[in-house]
Amino acid sequence: MGIAAQSRARVEDLLADLERLYDSFTVNQRTVSLPAERYEFARERYEGRSVDTYVEIENEDGEVLHVGEDGDVALPGSVGRPGEALQHEVARAVARQTGVDFSIDGLARVTIAGVSNADATDEDVLYRLLVVFSASYEGGDPLPGAEWRAASGAPAPTFG
């Protein structure tokens, strides 16, 4: 089975797991077409990785915690690997990234992200799952590089 078929099967498995764990959540689908060089880069990154997880931590003012550098910010998160408990792994990673205490309330939304090769339309689409958990801020000061911002509602997918 090639990487494209593996990515599709893994996304289907992860969606089934999430459906068993959470009552309801929104599933979106987004496909982008990349130039051949970026598609190959994305293909290399997809090997063994099929899910990006993010946490949308909201404070009492309705702001959401973001991380980043040089004005390029995104929701804090991690790249998951098959077999890891997504919620627990992302909670540990986000706590290390942000320095704040929070509790995950549930699953906010899920996006099936597809990447195709703009220069070779006969190549298979690669799939990845973007999972966003909702969380409540419980305390602590954000580390350097983490800041409260107006809610954007969009993670920064790692398309390559």
Protein backbone atom coordinates (compact mmCIF):
# COMPACT_ATOMS: atom_id res chain seq x y z
CA MET A 1 0.00 0.00 0.00
CA GLY A 2 1.45 3.37 -1.02
CA ILE A 3 1.72 6.43 1.19
CA ALA A 4 -1.43 8.04 -0.28
CA ALA A 5 -3.54 4.94 0.43
CA GLN A 6 -1.97 4.64 3.89
CA SER A 7 -2.75 8.28 4.65
CA ARG A 8 -6.37 7.84 3.54
CA ALA A 9 -6.81 4.65 5.59
CA ARG A 10 -5.23 6.20 8.67
CA VAL A 11 -7.48 9.27 8.48
CA GLU A 12 -10.53 6.99 8.21
CA ASP A 13 -9.35 5.00 11.26
CA LEU A 14 -8.71 8.15 13.29
CA LEU A 15 -12.13 9.56 12.40
CA ALA A 16 -13.77 6.31 13.51
CA ASP A 17 -11.85 6.47 16.81
CA LEU A 18 -12.90 10.07 17.40
CA GLU A 19 -16.54 9.24 16.62
CA ARG A 20 -16.45 6.55 19.33
CA LEU A 21 -14.93 8.95 21.89
CA TYR A 22 -16.87 12.17 21.26
CA ASP A 23 -20.60 12.77 20.88
CA SER A 24 -20.50 15.17 17.97
CA PHE A 25 -18.11 17.44 16.18
CA THR A 26 -17.81 19.27 12.91
CA VAL A 27 -15.81 17.64 10.12
CA ASN A 28 -14.58 19.86 7.29
CA GLN A 29 -12.58 18.89 4.25
CA ARG A 30 -9.98 21.05 2.55
CA THR A 31 -7.68 20.17 -0.33
CA VAL A 32 -4.80 22.28 -1.55
CA SER A 33 -2.78 21.86 -4.70
CA LEU A 34 0.95 22.45 -4.27
CA PRO A 35 3.78 22.79 -6.78
CA ALA A 36 5.75 19.54 -7.23
CA GLU A 37 8.63 20.54 -4.95
CA ARG A 38 6.31 21.41 -2.04
CA TYR A 39 4.19 18.32 -2.71
CA GLU A 40 7.29 16.11 -2.41
CA PHE A 41 8.24 17.88 0.81
CA ALA A 42 4.73 17.24 2.17
CA ARG A 43 4.93 13.61 1.04
CA GLU A 44 8.15 13.11 3.03
CA ARG A 45 6.57 14.71 6.10
CA TYR A 46 3.49 12.48 5.86
CA GLU A 47 5.48 9.28 6.35
CA GLY A 48 4.40 7.96 9.75
CA ARG A 49 2.40 11.07 10.61
CA SER A 50 -1.25 11.38 9.89
CA VAL A 51 -2.66 13.84 12.40
CA ASP A 52 -1.96 17.36 13.65
CA THR A 53 -3.59 18.22 16.97
CA TYR A 54 -4.24 21.70 18.33
CA VAL A 55 -5.75 23.14 21.49
CA GLU A 56 -7.90 26.25 21.42
CA ILE A 57 -7.48 27.60 24.97
CA GLU A 58 -9.92 30.37 25.71
CA ASN A 59 -9.51 32.79 28.61
CA GLU A 60 -12.23 34.61 30.56
CA ASP A 61 -12.05 37.53 28.07
CA GLY A 62 -12.82 35.28 25.08
CA GLU A 63 -9.26 35.48 23.77
CA VAL A 64 -7.45 32.38 22.49
CA LEU A 65 -3.84 31.49 23.23
CA HIS A 66 -1.54 31.44 20.19
CA VAL A 67 2.13 30.55 19.77
CA GLY A 68 4.62 31.65 17.16
CA GLU A 69 7.37 33.97 16.10
CA ASP A 70 7.74 37.11 14.00
CA GLY A 71 3.99 37.70 13.77
CA ASP A 72 3.35 34.21 12.37
CA VAL A 73 1.09 32.66 15.01
CA ALA A 74 -1.08 29.57 15.29
CA LEU A 75 -2.90 27.53 17.85
CA PRO A 76 -0.49 25.53 20.01
CA GLY A 77 -0.35 21.85 19.14
CA SER A 78 1.65 18.83 18.09
CA VAL A 79 2.09 16.32 15.30
CA GLY A 80 0.59 13.00 16.28
CA ARG A 81 1.61 9.54 15.36
CA PRO A 82 -0.62 6.48 15.09
CA GLY A 83 -1.18 4.73 18.40
CA GLU A 84 -0.84 7.80 20.63
CA ALA A 85 -3.75 9.02 22.74
CA LEU A 86 -4.34 12.29 20.91
CA GLN A 87 -5.92 14.30 23.73
CA HIS A 88 -3.28 13.38 26.32
CA GLU A 89 -0.31 13.84 23.98
CA VAL A 90 -1.43 17.26 22.75
CA ALA A 91 -2.21 18.39 26.32
CA ARG A 92 1.37 17.58 27.40
CA ALA A 93 2.88 19.25 24.32
CA VAL A 94 0.76 22.41 24.65
CA ALA A 95 1.53 22.73 28.37
CA ARG A 96 5.26 22.67 27.50
CA GLN A 97 4.79 25.19 24.65
CA THR A 98 2.65 27.70 26.51
CA GLY A 99 3.35 27.40 30.23
CA VAL A 100 -0.34 27.80 31.12
CA ASP A 101 -2.68 25.48 32.98
CA PHE A 102 -5.83 24.44 31.12
CA SER A 103 -8.39 21.69 30.93
CA ILE A 104 -9.55 20.15 27.67
CA ASP A 105 -13.32 20.43 27.43
CA GLY A 106 -13.90 18.46 24.25
CA LEU A 107 -13.40 18.24 20.54
CA ALA A 108 -14.08 21.50 18.69
CA ARG A 109 -13.65 20.48 15.06
CA VAL A 110 -11.85 18.20 12.68
CA THR A 111 -10.56 18.89 9.18
CA ILE A 112 -9.58 16.31 6.61
CA ALA A 113 -6.72 18.02 4.79
CA GLY A 114 -5.75 16.81 1.36
CA VAL A 115 -2.65 17.76 -0.60
CA SER A 116 -2.38 17.22 -4.33
CA ASN A 117 0.44 17.80 -6.80
CA ALA A 118 -0.40 20.77 -9.05
CA ASP A 119 2.28 19.76 -11.56
CA ALA A 120 1.28 16.09 -11.82
CA THR A 121 -2.47 15.77 -11.47
CA ASP A 122 -2.28 11.98 -11.85
CA GLU A 123 -0.48 11.67 -8.48
CA ASP A 124 -2.56 10.60 -5.52
CA VAL A 125 -3.89 13.03 -2.94
CA LEU A 126 -2.22 12.75 0.47
CA TYR A 127 -4.52 13.03 3.49
CA ARG A 128 -3.98 14.27 7.01
CA LEU A 129 -6.32 14.97 9.88
CA LEU A 130 -6.30 18.33 11.71
CA VAL A 131 -7.93 17.97 15.14
CA VAL A 132 -8.77 20.98 17.32
CA PHE A 133 -9.66 20.45 20.98
CA SER A 134 -11.44 23.16 22.97
CA ALA A 135 -10.02 24.03 26.38
CA SER A 136 -10.55 26.38 29.30
CA TYR A 137 -7.76 28.46 30.77
CA GLU A 138 -7.12 27.69 34.44
CA GLY A 139 -4.11 29.89 35.23
CA GLY A 140 -0.44 30.64 34.73
CA ASP A 141 1.43 33.17 32.65
CA PRO A 142 2.15 32.39 29.00
CA LEU A 143 5.78 31.67 28.16
CA PRO A 144 7.64 33.94 25.71
CA GLY A 145 6.27 33.26 22.23
CA ALA A 146 2.76 32.55 23.54
CA GLU A 147 0.16 35.31 23.61
CA TRP A 148 -3.55 35.89 23.94
CA ARG A 149 -5.26 37.06 20.74
CA ALA A 150 -8.73 37.42 19.38
CA ALA A 151 -10.09 34.04 18.37
CA SER A 152 -9.08 33.18 14.79
CA GLY A 153 -10.75 29.81 14.62
CA ALA A 154 -8.07 28.44 12.31
CA PRO A 155 -5.08 26.29 13.15
CA ALA A 156 -1.98 26.50 10.99
CA PRO A 157 -2.03 23.24 9.05
CA THR A 158 1.32 21.74 8.12
CA PHE A 159 0.76 21.25 4.42
CA GLY A 160 4.45 21.39 3.68
